Amino acid sequence: MKRISIDEQLRLAEMAEDLFGLGYWRLDVASGEMIWSRRMYQLFHPEGDSPTYQDLLQRIHPDDRHLSEAGIRQALEGRRSSDVVRVIWPSGEVRRLELHRACEQDADGRVRSIYGTVLDVTDRERAVAQLAASEARFRVLTEHSSDIIVRVNRDDIVEYISPSVRRYGYEPDELVGMT
């Protein structure tokens, strides 16, 4: 296997970051120095060019900071952690970020650094919420319709049948699974 240069590794990391929208960071435990990828700046909008862990915490919604702090404590104990937190951008917009953390240990097992990834999941969570709301509206319509509504899969097996089938002496559960 051919070894690639540090410059090439950095270029590949930046390409992956741009492609996936994933930010990554590293916190040196001894010095407190924090290194952020380009995407981290877009996700957290820190003030200044040398962001700190406090800059990161400042952007996290006050009600969610305990999650991030607990995740850092877990990483310091050598355990991986992940959660979803809200961040408040300078514009006032609230976004939801999925955080993953782990630690780097020295040969003696002491934690040298904590590192992690951050992904903006706001749009995904909105889409899930919209889908759930749409399904709830559809369910209300089908549950209260006088028409019999049936959903079958590719094999023509009944997956759903509306309660209006009771007018004909059947319970919906009796017909689900039939062909």
Foldseek 3Di string as FASTA:
>chain_A
DDDDDPVVVVVVVVVVCVVQVKKKKKAFPVPQFIDIDPSVCVVQVFPDDGDGVVSNLVFWDPVCSVVVVVQVVCQQVFHKDKDKTWGADPVRDIWIKIKIKHFDADPVRGTRMMMIMIHTCRVVVVVVVVVVVVVVVVLVCQQPDLDWDFDADPVRATQFIHCNCVVVVDGGVVRHRHD
